[in-house]
Amino acid sequence: MKKLSCLVLLAALVSSPAWADCTYPKKPGKMPDGKSATRDEMVATQKVVKQYQSDMTTYLECLKAEHQASLAKDADTLSDKQKKTMTDRYTQKNDAAVDEAHDVANRFNEQLRVFREKSEK
């Protein structure tokens, strides 16, 4: 039974779109500590985070376009179950990317608040 399950999974992966044309953006590295960071470090990090957010938006748009194109291209040959599987996979990828983007923004904003509080004293 395990072999059959593996074969079914492998067939599903091979027959479905891989979204290979969409490049997942690299997450920014460690955020500077707002307590000790300089203004230049915070500005540089802000630029990196903004670029990451822009790259993530491009990735999400690509992912959506490829998903829609795959569904449209194979609309006559895909079963409802296959369409649902493809849509579920798209949704998982989209949600994970959005969650990561929010995490990056939240981490930067947290350090930015600390930096601003330090600067106001």
PDB file of N, CA and C in Angstrom:
ATOM      1  N   MET A   1       0.821  -1.192   0.000  1.00  0.00           N
ATOM      2  CA  MET A   1       0.000   0.000   0.000  1.00  0.00           C
ATOM      3  C   MET A   1       0.865   1.256   0.000  1.00  0.00           C
ATOM      4  N   LYS A   2       1.971   1.223   0.752  1.00  0.00           N
ATOM      5  CA  LYS A   2       2.857   2.377   0.794  1.00  0.00           C
ATOM      6  C   LYS A   2       3.451   2.652  -0.577  1.00  0.00           C
ATOM      7  N   LYS A   3       3.797   1.583  -1.301  1.00  0.00           N
ATOM      8  CA  LYS A   3       4.370   1.754  -2.636  1.00  0.00           C
ATOM      9  C   LYS A   3       3.351   2.391  -3.571  1.00  0.00           C
ATOM     10  N   LEU A   4       2.118   1.967  -3.475  1.00  0.00           N
ATOM     11  CA  LEU A   4       1.067   2.527  -4.315  1.00  0.00           C
ATOM     12  C   LEU A   4       0.852   4.005  -3.988  1.00  0.00           C
ATOM     13  N   SER A   5       0.848   4.337  -2.715  1.00  0.00           N
ATOM     14  CA  SER A   5       0.682   5.737  -2.308  1.00  0.00           C
ATOM     15  C   SER A   5       1.822   6.593  -2.840  1.00  0.00           C
ATOM     16  N   CYS A   6       3.036   6.089  -2.759  1.00  0.00           N
ATOM     17  CA  CYS A   6       4.197   6.818  -3.270  1.00  0.00           C
ATOM     18  C   CYS A   6       4.100   7.013  -4.777  1.00  0.00           C
ATOM     19  N   LEU A   7       3.650   5.974  -5.482  1.00  0.00           N
ATOM     20  CA  LEU A   7       3.516   6.075  -6.930  1.00  0.00           C
ATOM     21  C   LEU A   7       2.443   7.084  -7.320  1.00  0.00           C
ATOM     22  N   VAL A   8       1.338   7.095  -6.593  1.00  0.00           N
ATOM     23  CA  VAL A   8       0.268   8.049  -6.869  1.00  0.00           C
ATOM     24  C   VAL A   8       0.762   9.474  -6.617  1.00  0.00           C
ATOM     25  N   LEU A   9       1.469   9.668  -5.523  1.00  0.00           N
ATOM     26  CA  LEU A   9       2.018  10.983  -5.213  1.00  0.00           C
ATOM     27  C   LEU A   9       3.016  11.427  -6.270  1.00  0.00           C
ATOM     28  N   LEU A  10       3.892  10.529  -6.679  1.00  0.00           N
ATOM     29  CA  LEU A  10       4.877  10.846  -7.706  1.00  0.00           C
ATOM     30  C   LEU A  10       4.197  11.197  -9.022  1.00  0.00           C
ATOM     31  N   ALA A  11       3.182  10.457  -9.389  1.00  0.00           N
ATOM     32  CA  ALA A  11       2.447  10.740 -10.630  1.00  0.00           C
ATOM     33  C   ALA A  11       1.774  12.108 -10.557  1.00  0.00           C
ATOM     34  N   ALA A  12       1.233  12.442  -9.413  1.00  0.00           N
ATOM     35  CA  ALA A  12       0.583  13.747  -9.258  1.00  0.00           C
ATOM     36  C   ALA A  12       1.588  14.875  -9.379  1.00  0.00           C
ATOM     37  N   LEU A  13       2.766  14.686  -8.808  1.00  0.00           N
ATOM     38  CA  LEU A  13       3.791  15.719  -8.887  1.00  0.00           C
ATOM     39  C   LEU A  13       4.316  15.891 -10.304  1.00  0.00           C
ATOM     40  N   VAL A  14       4.495  14.795 -11.007  1.00  0.00           N
ATOM     41  CA  VAL A  14       5.023  14.850 -12.361  1.00  0.00           C
ATOM     42  C   VAL A  14       3.996  15.436 -13.323  1.00  0.00           C
ATOM     43  N   SER A  15       2.738  15.135 -13.118  1.00  0.00           N
ATOM     44  CA  SER A  15       1.703  15.585 -14.050  1.00  0.00           C
ATOM     45  C   SER A  15       1.193  16.987 -13.756  1.00  0.00           C
ATOM     46  N   SER A  16       1.543  17.555 -12.631  1.00  0.00           N
ATOM     47  CA  SER A  16       1.048  18.879 -12.284  1.00  0.00           C
ATOM     48  C   SER A  16       2.112  19.935 -12.566  1.00  0.00           C
ATOM     49  N   PRO A  17       1.679  21.195 -12.680  1.00  0.00           N
ATOM     50  CA  PRO A  17       2.645  22.253 -12.940  1.00  0.00           C
ATOM     51  C   PRO A  17       3.561  22.441 -11.743  1.00  0.00           C
ATOM     52  N   ALA A  18       4.810  22.722 -12.008  1.00  0.00           N
ATOM     53  CA  ALA A  18       5.783  22.874 -10.934  1.00  0.00           C
ATOM     54  C   ALA A  18       6.006  24.332 -10.566  1.00  0.00           C
ATOM     55  N   TRP A  19       5.429  25.242 -11.298  1.00  0.00           N
ATOM     56  CA  TRP A  19       5.643  26.664 -11.087  1.00  0.00           C
ATOM     57  C   TRP A  19       7.129  26.989 -11.065  1.00  0.00           C
ATOM     58  N   ALA A  20       7.839  26.361 -11.989  1.00  0.00           N
ATOM     59  CA  ALA A  20       9.286  26.503 -12.040  1.00  0.00           C
ATOM     60  C   ALA A  20       9.712  27.881 -12.526  1.00  0.00           C
ATOM     61  N   ASP A  21       8.855  28.579 -13.249  1.00  0.00           N
ATOM     62  CA  ASP A  21       9.234  29.884 -13.765  1.00  0.00           C
ATOM     63  C   ASP A  21       9.151  30.978 -12.711  1.00  0.00           C
ATOM     64  N   CYS A  22       8.511  30.718 -11.615  1.00  0.00           N
ATOM     65  CA  CYS A  22       8.375  31.705 -10.549  1.00  0.00           C
ATOM     66  C   CYS A  22       9.528  31.525  -9.567  1.00  0.00           C
ATOM     67  N   THR A  23      10.299  32.581  -9.397  1.00  0.00           N
ATOM     68  CA  THR A  23      11.466  32.517  -8.521  1.00  0.00           C
ATOM     69  C   THR A  23      11.103  33.043  -7.138  1.00  0.00           C
ATOM     70  N   TYR A  24      11.230  32.167  -6.143  1.00  0.00           N
ATOM     71  CA  TYR A  24      10.928  32.549  -4.766  1.00  0.00           C
ATOM     72  C   TYR A  24      12.036  33.479  -4.265  1.00  0.00           C
ATOM     73  N   PRO A  25      11.669  34.656  -3.764  1.00  0.00           N
ATOM     74  CA  PRO A  25      12.703  35.605  -3.323  1.00  0.00           C
ATOM     75  C   PRO A  25      13.414  35.145  -2.058  1.00  0.00           C
ATOM     76  N   LYS A  26      14.672  35.511  -1.988  1.00  0.00           N
ATOM     77  CA  LYS A  26      15.475  35.164  -0.810  1.00  0.00           C
ATOM     78  C   LYS A  26      15.090  36.089   0.341  1.00  0.00           C
ATOM     79  N   LYS A  27      14.821  35.473   1.465  1.00  0.00           N
ATOM     80  CA  LYS A  27      14.439  36.213   2.670  1.00  0.00           C
ATOM     81  C   LYS A  27      15.643  37.013   3.172  1.00  0.00           C
ATOM     82  N   PRO A  28      15.428  38.277   3.570  1.00  0.00           N
ATOM     83  CA  PRO A  28      16.542  39.062   4.113  1.00  0.00           C
ATOM     84  C   PRO A  28      17.149  38.379   5.336  1.00  0.00           C
ATOM     85  N   GLY A  29      18.407  38.616   5.531  1.00  0.00           N
ATOM     86  CA  GLY A  29      19.108  38.027   6.671  1.00  0.00           C
ATOM     87  C   GLY A  29      18.683  38.666   7.985  1.00  0.00           C
ATOM     88  N   LYS A  30      19.547  38.598   8.934  1.00  0.00           N
ATOM     89  CA  LYS A  30      19.276  39.095  10.277  1.00  0.00           C
ATOM     90  C   LYS A  30      19.013  40.604  10.254  1.00  0.00           C
ATOM     91  N   MET A  31      18.002  41.009  10.994  1.00  0.00           N
ATOM     92  CA  MET A  31      17.672  42.428  11.123  1.00  0.00           C
ATOM     93  C   MET A  31      18.620  43.063  12.124  1.00  0.00           C
ATOM     94  N   PRO A  32      18.990  44.322  11.891  1.00  0.00           N
ATOM     95  CA  PRO A  32      19.841  44.990  12.883  1.00  0.00           C
ATOM     96  C   PRO A  32      19.073  45.199  14.186  1.00  0.00           C
ATOM     97  N   ASP A  33      19.789  45.220  15.272  1.00  0.00           N
ATOM     98  CA  ASP A  33      19.188  45.454  16.577  1.00  0.00           C
ATOM     99  C   ASP A  33      18.906  46.950  16.696  1.00  0.00           C
ATOM    100  N   GLY A  34      17.640  47.279  16.867  1.00  0.00           N
ATOM    101  CA  GLY A  34      17.247  48.684  16.945  1.00  0.00           C
ATOM    102  C   GLY A  34      17.898  49.435  18.094  1.00  0.00           C
ATOM    103  N   LYS A  35      18.326  48.721  19.140  1.00  0.00           N
ATOM    104  CA  LYS A  35      18.970  49.361  20.295  1.00  0.00           C
ATOM    105  C   LYS A  35      20.362  49.882  19.965  1.00  0.00           C
ATOM    106  N   SER A  36      21.042  49.207  19.035  1.00  0.00           N
ATOM    107  CA  SER A  36      22.430  49.587  18.755  1.00  0.00           C
ATOM    108  C   SER A  36      22.692  49.954  17.300  1.00  0.00           C
ATOM    109  N   ALA A  37      21.716  49.817  16.439  1.00  0.00           N
ATOM    110  CA  ALA A  37      21.919  50.077  15.012  1.00  0.00           C
ATOM    111  C   ALA A  37      22.071  51.573  14.736  1.00  0.00           C
ATOM    112  N   THR A  38      22.812  51.847  13.691  1.00  0.00           N
ATOM    113  CA  THR A  38      22.949  53.230  13.246  1.00  0.00           C
ATOM    114  C   THR A  38      21.810  53.544  12.279  1.00  0.00           C
ATOM    115  N   ARG A  39      21.642  54.830  12.019  1.00  0.00           N
ATOM    116  CA  ARG A  39      20.611  55.252  11.060  1.00  0.00           C
ATOM    117  C   ARG A  39      20.892  54.646   9.691  1.00  0.00           C
ATOM    118  N   ASP A  40      22.154  54.647   9.291  1.00  0.00           N
ATOM    119  CA  ASP A  40      22.524  54.088   7.989  1.00  0.00           C
ATOM    120  C   ASP A  40      22.182  52.601   7.892  1.00  0.00           C
ATOM    121  N   GLU A  41      22.401  51.866   8.982  1.00  0.00           N
ATOM    122  CA  GLU A  41      22.060  50.442   8.988  1.00  0.00           C
ATOM    123  C   GLU A  41      20.548  50.234   8.843  1.00  0.00           C
ATOM    124  N   MET A  42      19.784  51.059   9.528  1.00  0.00           N
ATOM    125  CA  MET A  42      18.325  50.936   9.452  1.00  0.00           C
ATOM    126  C   MET A  42      17.819  51.302   8.054  1.00  0.00           C
ATOM    127  N   VAL A  43      18.390  52.348   7.463  1.00  0.00           N
ATOM    128  CA  VAL A  43      17.979  52.750   6.117  1.00  0.00           C
ATOM    129  C   VAL A  43      18.348  51.663   5.108  1.00  0.00           C
ATOM    130  N   ALA A  44      19.543  51.115   5.240  1.00  0.00           N
ATOM    131  CA  ALA A  44      19.981  50.045   4.327  1.00  0.00           C
ATOM    132  C   ALA A  44      19.073  48.817   4.457  1.00  0.00           C
ATOM    133  N   THR A  45      18.722  48.465   5.682  1.00  0.00           N
ATOM    134  CA  THR A  45      17.845  47.323   5.910  1.00  0.00           C
ATOM    135  C   THR A  45      16.454  47.601   5.363  1.00  0.00           C
ATOM    136  N   GLN A  46      15.985  48.820   5.518  1.00  0.00           N
ATOM    137  CA  GLN A  46      14.676  49.184   4.979  1.00  0.00           C
ATOM    138  C   GLN A  46      14.656  48.985   3.462  1.00  0.00           C
ATOM    139  N   LYS A  47      15.726  49.354   2.795  1.00  0.00           N
ATOM    140  CA  LYS A  47      15.807  49.170   1.340  1.00  0.00           C
ATOM    141  C   LYS A  47      15.767  47.688   0.976  1.00  0.00           C
ATOM    142  N   VAL A  48      16.479  46.883   1.738  1.00  0.00           N
ATOM    143  CA  VAL A  48      16.497  45.437   1.485  1.00  0.00           C
ATOM    144  C   VAL A  48      15.100  44.852   1.694  1.00  0.00           C
ATOM    145  N   VAL A  49      14.429  45.264   2.750  1.00  0.00           N
ATOM    146  CA  VAL A  49      13.090  44.756   3.051  1.00  0.00           C
ATOM    147  C   VAL A  49      12.102  45.196   1.970  1.00  0.00           C
ATOM    148  N   LYS A  50      12.200  46.433   1.533  1.00  0.00           N
ATOM    149  CA  LYS A  50      11.305  46.910   0.469  1.00  0.00           C
ATOM    150  C   LYS A  50      11.535  46.136  -0.824  1.00  0.00           C
ATOM    151  N   GLN A  51      12.800  45.861  -1.140  1.00  0.00           N
ATOM    152  CA  GLN A  51      13.097  45.089  -2.347  1.00  0.00           C
ATOM    153  C   GLN A  51      12.547  43.667  -2.217  1.00  0.00           C
ATOM    154  N   TYR A  52      12.707  43.089  -1.042  1.00  0.00           N
ATOM    155  CA  TYR A  52      12.165  41.758  -0.782  1.00  0.00           C
ATOM    156  C   TYR A  52      10.641  41.759  -0.965  1.00  0.00           C
ATOM    157  N   GLN A  53       9.970  42.769  -0.420  1.00  0.00           N
ATOM    158  CA  GLN A  53       8.518  42.853  -0.548  1.00  0.00           C
ATOM    159  C   GLN A  53       8.110  42.971  -2.021  1.00  0.00           C
ATOM    160  N   SER A  54       8.854  43.758  -2.775  1.00  0.00           N
ATOM    161  CA  SER A  54       8.575  43.899  -4.207  1.00  0.00           C
ATOM    162  C   SER A  54       8.794  42.575  -4.938  1.00  0.00           C
ATOM    163  N   ASP A  55       9.891  41.904  -4.612  1.00  0.00           N
ATOM    164  CA  ASP A  55      10.178  40.599  -5.222  1.00  0.00           C
ATOM    165  C   ASP A  55       9.107  39.577  -4.858  1.00  0.00           C
ATOM    166  N   MET A  56       8.619  39.642  -3.626  1.00  0.00           N
ATOM    167  CA  MET A  56       7.584  38.711  -3.181  1.00  0.00           C
ATOM    168  C   MET A  56       6.280  38.977  -3.927  1.00  0.00           C
ATOM    169  N   THR A  57       5.953  40.234  -4.143  1.00  0.00           N
ATOM    170  CA  THR A  57       4.755  40.575  -4.909  1.00  0.00           C
ATOM    171  C   THR A  57       4.860  40.020  -6.324  1.00  0.00           C
ATOM    172  N   THR A  58       6.024  40.162  -6.931  1.00  0.00           N
ATOM    173  CA  THR A  58       6.253  39.623  -8.276  1.00  0.00           C
ATOM    174  C   THR A  58       6.094  38.110  -8.273  1.00  0.00           C
ATOM    175  N   TYR A  59       6.639  37.451  -7.267  1.00  0.00           N
ATOM    176  CA  TYR A  59       6.518  36.000  -7.146  1.00  0.00           C
ATOM    177  C   TYR A  59       5.053  35.578  -7.026  1.00  0.00           C
ATOM    178  N   LEU A  60       4.299  36.261  -6.173  1.00  0.00           N
ATOM    179  CA  LEU A  60       2.896  35.909  -5.967  1.00  0.00           C
ATOM    180  C   LEU A  60       2.072  36.121  -7.239  1.00  0.00           C
ATOM    181  N   GLU A  61       2.359  37.182  -7.954  1.00  0.00           N
ATOM    182  CA  GLU A  61       1.663  37.426  -9.223  1.00  0.00           C
ATOM    183  C   GLU A  61       1.998  36.338 -10.237  1.00  0.00           C
ATOM    184  N   CYS A  62       3.261  35.935 -10.287  1.00  0.00           N
ATOM    185  CA  CYS A  62       3.687  34.869 -11.194  1.00  0.00           C
ATOM    186  C   CYS A  62       3.007  33.559 -10.824  1.00  0.00           C
ATOM    187  N   LEU A  63       2.999  33.253  -9.557  1.00  0.00           N
ATOM    188  CA  LEU A  63       2.378  32.024  -9.076  1.00  0.00           C
ATOM    189  C   LEU A  63       0.905  31.970  -9.470  1.00  0.00           C
ATOM    190  N   LYS A  64       0.211  33.074  -9.269  1.00  0.00           N
ATOM    191  CA  LYS A  64      -1.210  33.138  -9.609  1.00  0.00           C
ATOM    192  C   LYS A  64      -1.421  32.988 -11.116  1.00  0.00           C
ATOM    193  N   ALA A  65      -0.610  33.677 -11.896  1.00  0.00           N
ATOM    194  CA  ALA A  65      -0.748  33.606 -13.358  1.00  0.00           C
ATOM    195  C   ALA A  65      -0.486  32.191 -13.868  1.00  0.00           C
ATOM    196  N   GLU A  66       0.530  31.548 -13.342  1.00  0.00           N
ATOM    197  CA  GLU A  66       0.828  30.181 -13.779  1.00  0.00           C
ATOM    198  C   GLU A  66      -0.276  29.212 -13.357  1.00  0.00           C
ATOM    199  N   HIS A  67      -0.801  29.405 -12.175  1.00  0.00           N
ATOM    200  CA  HIS A  67      -1.898  28.546 -11.709  1.00  0.00           C
ATOM    201  C   HIS A  67      -3.110  28.708 -12.622  1.00  0.00           C
ATOM    202  N   GLN A  68      -3.487  29.937 -12.881  1.00  0.00           N
ATOM    203  CA  GLN A  68      -4.644  30.192 -13.739  1.00  0.00           C
ATOM    204  C   GLN A  68      -4.414  29.662 -15.154  1.00  0.00           C
ATOM    205  N   ALA A  69      -3.195  29.834 -15.676  1.00  0.00           N
ATOM    206  CA  ALA A  69      -2.885  29.343 -17.016  1.00  0.00           C
ATOM    207  C   ALA A  69      -2.957  27.821 -17.069  1.00  0.00           C
ATOM    208  N   SER A  70      -2.471  27.160 -16.035  1.00  0.00           N
ATOM    209  CA  SER A  70      -2.513  25.697 -15.987  1.00  0.00           C
ATOM    210  C   SER A  70      -3.951  25.185 -15.941  1.00  0.00           C
ATOM    211  N   LEU A  71      -4.762  25.841 -15.141  1.00  0.00           N
ATOM    212  CA  LEU A  71      -6.164  25.433 -15.056  1.00  0.00           C
ATOM    213  C   LEU A  71      -6.874  25.661 -16.392  1.00  0.00           C
ATOM    214  N   ALA A  72      -6.594  26.791 -17.028  1.00  0.00           N
ATOM    215  CA  ALA A  72      -7.254  27.106 -18.295  1.00  0.00           C
ATOM    216  C   ALA A  72      -6.785  26.173 -19.407  1.00  0.00           C
ATOM    217  N   LYS A  73      -5.480  25.897 -19.447  1.00  0.00           N
ATOM    218  CA  LYS A  73      -4.905  25.060 -20.495  1.00  0.00           C
ATOM    219  C   LYS A  73      -5.450  23.638 -20.444  1.00  0.00           C
ATOM    220  N   ASP A  74      -5.575  23.117 -19.258  1.00  0.00           N
ATOM    221  CA  ASP A  74      -5.982  21.727 -19.080  1.00  0.00           C
ATOM    222  C   ASP A  74      -7.417  21.593 -18.575  1.00  0.00           C
ATOM    223  N   ALA A  75      -8.220  22.626 -18.753  1.00  0.00           N
ATOM    224  CA  ALA A  75      -9.577  22.629 -18.197  1.00  0.00           C
ATOM    225  C   ALA A  75     -10.404  21.437 -18.655  1.00  0.00           C
ATOM    226  N   ASP A  76     -10.242  21.020 -19.904  1.00  0.00           N
ATOM    227  CA  ASP A  76     -11.047  19.916 -20.439  1.00  0.00           C
ATOM    228  C   ASP A  76     -10.572  18.547 -19.977  1.00  0.00           C
ATOM    229  N   THR A  77      -9.301  18.442 -19.609  1.00  0.00           N
ATOM    230  CA  THR A  77      -8.746  17.130 -19.276  1.00  0.00           C
ATOM    231  C   THR A  77      -8.622  16.873 -17.776  1.00  0.00           C
ATOM    232  N   LEU A  78      -8.707  17.930 -16.972  1.00  0.00           N
ATOM    233  CA  LEU A  78      -8.554  17.758 -15.527  1.00  0.00           C
ATOM    234  C   LEU A  78      -9.882  17.416 -14.861  1.00  0.00           C
ATOM    235  N   SER A  79      -9.802  16.506 -13.925  1.00  0.00           N
ATOM    236  CA  SER A  79     -10.996  16.197 -13.122  1.00  0.00           C
ATOM    237  C   SER A  79     -11.156  17.285 -12.063  1.00  0.00           C
ATOM    238  N   ASP A  80     -12.320  17.328 -11.467  1.00  0.00           N
ATOM    239  CA  ASP A  80     -12.556  18.299 -10.397  1.00  0.00           C
ATOM    240  C   ASP A  80     -11.583  18.075  -9.243  1.00  0.00           C
ATOM    241  N   LYS A  81     -11.273  16.822  -8.968  1.00  0.00           N
ATOM    242  CA  LYS A  81     -10.337  16.502  -7.885  1.00  0.00           C
ATOM    243  C   LYS A  81      -8.940  17.027  -8.211  1.00  0.00           C
ATOM    244  N   GLN A  82      -8.508  16.875  -9.462  1.00  0.00           N
ATOM    245  CA  GLN A  82      -7.195  17.387  -9.862  1.00  0.00           C
ATOM    246  C   GLN A  82      -7.160  18.913  -9.783  1.00  0.00           C
ATOM    247  N   LYS A  83      -8.224  19.549 -10.207  1.00  0.00           N
ATOM    248  CA  LYS A  83      -8.304  21.014 -10.127  1.00  0.00           C
ATOM    249  C   LYS A  83      -8.238  21.474  -8.677  1.00  0.00           C
ATOM    250  N   LYS A  84      -8.957  20.759  -7.814  1.00  0.00           N
ATOM    251  CA  LYS A  84      -8.939  21.104  -6.395  1.00  0.00           C
ATOM    252  C   LYS A  84      -7.543  20.914  -5.809  1.00  0.00           C
ATOM    253  N   THR A  85      -6.876  19.832  -6.189  1.00  0.00           N
ATOM    254  CA  THR A  85      -5.518  19.583  -5.707  1.00  0.00           C
ATOM    255  C   THR A  85      -4.574  20.688  -6.155  1.00  0.00           C
ATOM    256  N   MET A  86      -4.682  21.081  -7.412  1.00  0.00           N
ATOM    257  CA  MET A  86      -3.839  22.164  -7.928  1.00  0.00           C
ATOM    258  C   MET A  86      -4.127  23.472  -7.210  1.00  0.00           C
ATOM    259  N   THR A  87      -5.390  23.744  -6.979  1.00  0.00           N
ATOM    260  CA  THR A  87      -5.775  24.981  -6.299  1.00  0.00           C
ATOM    261  C   THR A  87      -5.330  24.958  -4.838  1.00  0.00           C
ATOM    262  N   ASP A  88      -5.463  23.811  -4.192  1.00  0.00           N
ATOM    263  CA  ASP A  88      -4.993  23.688  -2.802  1.00  0.00           C
ATOM    264  C   ASP A  88      -3.487  23.922  -2.712  1.00  0.00           C
ATOM    265  N   ARG A  89      -2.746  23.363  -3.657  1.00  0.00           N
ATOM    266  CA  ARG A  89      -1.296  23.531  -3.654  1.00  0.00           C
ATOM    267  C   ARG A  89      -0.925  24.999  -3.896  1.00  0.00           C
ATOM    268  N   TYR A  90      -1.630  25.634  -4.831  1.00  0.00           N
ATOM    269  CA  TYR A  90      -1.404  27.062  -5.089  1.00  0.00           C
ATOM    270  C   TYR A  90      -1.690  27.864  -3.820  1.00  0.00           C
ATOM    271  N   THR A  91      -2.802  27.575  -3.162  1.00  0.00           N
ATOM    272  CA  THR A  91      -3.192  28.303  -1.958  1.00  0.00           C
ATOM    273  C   THR A  91      -2.149  28.132  -0.851  1.00  0.00           C
ATOM    274  N   GLN A  92      -1.639  26.922  -0.685  1.00  0.00           N
ATOM    275  CA  GLN A  92      -0.611  26.673   0.327  1.00  0.00           C
ATOM    276  C   GLN A  92       0.654  27.470   0.039  1.00  0.00           C
ATOM    277  N   LYS A  93       1.088  27.464  -1.222  1.00  0.00           N
ATOM    278  CA  LYS A  93       2.294  28.212  -1.596  1.00  0.00           C
ATOM    279  C   LYS A  93       2.073  29.706  -1.392  1.00  0.00           C
ATOM    280  N   ASN A  94       0.925  30.192  -1.814  1.00  0.00           N
ATOM    281  CA  ASN A  94       0.600  31.612  -1.672  1.00  0.00           C
ATOM    282  C   ASN A  94       0.565  32.008  -0.202  1.00  0.00           C
ATOM    283  N   ASP A  95      -0.155  31.242   0.610  1.00  0.00           N
ATOM    284  CA  ASP A  95      -0.295  31.568   2.029  1.00  0.00           C
ATOM    285  C   ASP A  95       1.046  31.540   2.757  1.00  0.00           C
ATOM    286  N   ALA A  96       1.880  30.557   2.436  1.00  0.00           N
ATOM    287  CA  ALA A  96       3.195  30.467   3.077  1.00  0.00           C
ATOM    288  C   ALA A  96       4.055  31.676   2.709  1.00  0.00           C
ATOM    289  N   ALA A  97       4.007  32.078   1.465  1.00  0.00           N
ATOM    290  CA  ALA A  97       4.793  33.233   1.021  1.00  0.00           C
ATOM    291  C   ALA A  97       4.302  34.516   1.689  1.00  0.00           C
ATOM    292  N   VAL A  98       2.995  34.687   1.759  1.00  0.00           N
ATOM    293  CA  VAL A  98       2.428  35.875   2.396  1.00  0.00           C
ATOM    294  C   VAL A  98       2.780  35.892   3.886  1.00  0.00           C
ATOM    295  N   ASP A  99       2.688  34.754   4.539  1.00  0.00           N
ATOM    296  CA  ASP A  99       3.049  34.675   5.962  1.00  0.00           C
ATOM    297  C   ASP A  99       4.509  35.057   6.178  1.00  0.00           C
ATOM    298  N   GLU A 100       5.385  34.566   5.310  1.00  0.00           N
ATOM    299  CA  GLU A 100       6.808  34.896   5.440  1.00  0.00           C
ATOM    300  C   GLU A 100       7.032  36.386   5.213  1.00  0.00           C
ATOM    301  N   ALA A 101       6.382  36.955   4.214  1.00  0.00           N
ATOM    302  CA  ALA A 101       6.531  38.386   3.933  1.00  0.00           C
ATOM    303  C   ALA A 101       6.063  39.225   5.123  1.00  0.00           C
ATOM    304  N   HIS A 102       4.951  38.826   5.734  1.00  0.00           N
ATOM    305  CA  HIS A 102       4.460  39.545   6.923  1.00  0.00           C
ATOM    306  C   HIS A 102       5.442  39.415   8.076  1.00  0.00           C
ATOM    307  N   ASP A 103       6.029  38.240   8.231  1.00  0.00           N
ATOM    308  CA  ASP A 103       7.006  38.021   9.298  1.00  0.00           C
ATOM    309  C   ASP A 103       8.218  38.934   9.112  1.00  0.00           C
ATOM    310  N   VAL A 104       8.710  39.027   7.892  1.00  0.00           N
ATOM    311  CA  VAL A 104       9.865  39.892   7.610  1.00  0.00           C
ATOM    312  C   VAL A 104       9.514  41.343   7.932  1.00  0.00           C
ATOM    313  N   ALA A 105       8.365  41.796   7.457  1.00  0.00           N
ATOM    314  CA  ALA A 105       7.948  43.179   7.710  1.00  0.00           C
ATOM    315  C   ALA A 105       7.781  43.438   9.210  1.00  0.00           C
ATOM    316  N   ASN A 106       7.179  42.499   9.912  1.00  0.00           N
ATOM    317  CA  ASN A 106       6.977  42.666  11.357  1.00  0.00           C
ATOM    318  C   ASN A 106       8.301  42.722  12.111  1.00  0.00           C
ATOM    319  N   ARG A 107       9.241  41.861  11.721  1.00  0.00           N
ATOM    320  CA  ARG A 107      10.554  41.874  12.391  1.00  0.00           C
ATOM    321  C   ARG A 107      11.259  43.208  12.173  1.00  0.00           C
ATOM    322  N   PHE A 108      11.214  43.715  10.935  1.00  0.00           N
ATOM    323  CA  PHE A 108      11.858  45.004  10.672  1.00  0.00           C
ATOM    324  C   PHE A 108      11.143  46.119  11.432  1.00  0.00           C
ATOM    325  N   ASN A 109       9.824  46.144  11.374  1.00  0.00           N
ATOM    326  CA  ASN A 109       9.067  47.209  12.046  1.00  0.00           C
ATOM    327  C   ASN A 109       9.290  47.207  13.549  1.00  0.00           C
ATOM    328  N   GLU A 110       9.451  46.030  14.125  1.00  0.00           N
ATOM    329  CA  GLU A 110       9.734  45.942  15.560  1.00  0.00           C
ATOM    330  C   GLU A 110      11.067  46.611  15.885  1.00  0.00           C
ATOM    331  N   GLN A 111      12.090  46.321  15.094  1.00  0.00           N
ATOM    332  CA  GLN A 111      13.399  46.924  15.327  1.00  0.00           C
ATOM    333  C   GLN A 111      13.387  48.420  15.010  1.00  0.00           C
ATOM    334  N   LEU A 112      12.595  48.806  14.035  1.00  0.00           N
ATOM    335  CA  LEU A 112      12.472  50.223  13.695  1.00  0.00           C
ATOM    336  C   LEU A 112      11.836  50.995  14.857  1.00  0.00           C
ATOM    337  N   ARG A 113      10.817  50.408  15.482  1.00  0.00           N
ATOM    338  CA  ARG A 113      10.198  51.052  16.649  1.00  0.00           C
ATOM    339  C   ARG A 113      11.224  51.224  17.777  1.00  0.00           C
ATOM    340  N   VAL A 114      12.005  50.178  18.024  1.00  0.00           N
ATOM    341  CA  VAL A 114      13.028  50.244  19.070  1.00  0.00           C
ATOM    342  C   VAL A 114      14.039  51.335  18.719  1.00  0.00           C
ATOM    343  N   PHE A 115      14.442  51.395  17.465  1.00  0.00           N
ATOM    344  CA  PHE A 115      15.411  52.392  17.014  1.00  0.00           C
ATOM    345  C   PHE A 115      14.851  53.806  17.211  1.00  0.00           C
ATOM    346  N   ARG A 116      13.601  54.021  16.849  1.00  0.00           N
ATOM    347  CA  ARG A 116      12.985  55.345  16.977  1.00  0.00           C
ATOM    348  C   ARG A 116      12.843  55.742  18.448  1.00  0.00           C
ATOM    349  N   GLU A 117      12.477  54.798  19.302  1.00  0.00           N
ATOM    350  CA  GLU A 117      12.365  55.084  20.730  1.00  0.00           C
ATOM    351  C   GLU A 117      13.713  55.489  21.291  1.00  0.00           C
ATOM    352  N   LYS A 118      14.758  54.793  20.863  1.00  0.00           N
ATOM    353  CA  LYS A 118      16.121  55.107  21.323  1.00  0.00           C
ATOM    354  C   LYS A 118      16.529  56.494  20.839  1.00  0.00           C
ATOM    355  N   SER A 119      16.170  56.811  19.619  1.00  0.00           N
ATOM    356  CA  SER A 119      16.563  58.088  19.017  1.00  0.00           C
ATOM    357  C   SER A 119      15.836  59.270  19.635  1.00  0.00           C
ATOM    358  N   GLU A 120      14.634  59.056  20.141  1.00  0.00           N
ATOM    359  CA  GLU A 120      13.851  60.133  20.736  1.00  0.00           C
ATOM    360  C   GLU A 120      14.334  60.516  22.122  1.00  0.00           C
ATOM    361  N   LYS A 121      15.109  59.669  22.751  1.00  0.00           N
ATOM    362  CA  LYS A 121      15.588  59.939  24.122  1.00  0.00           C
ATOM    363  C   LYS A 121      16.749  60.884  24.126  1.00  0.00           C
TER     364      LYS A 121
END
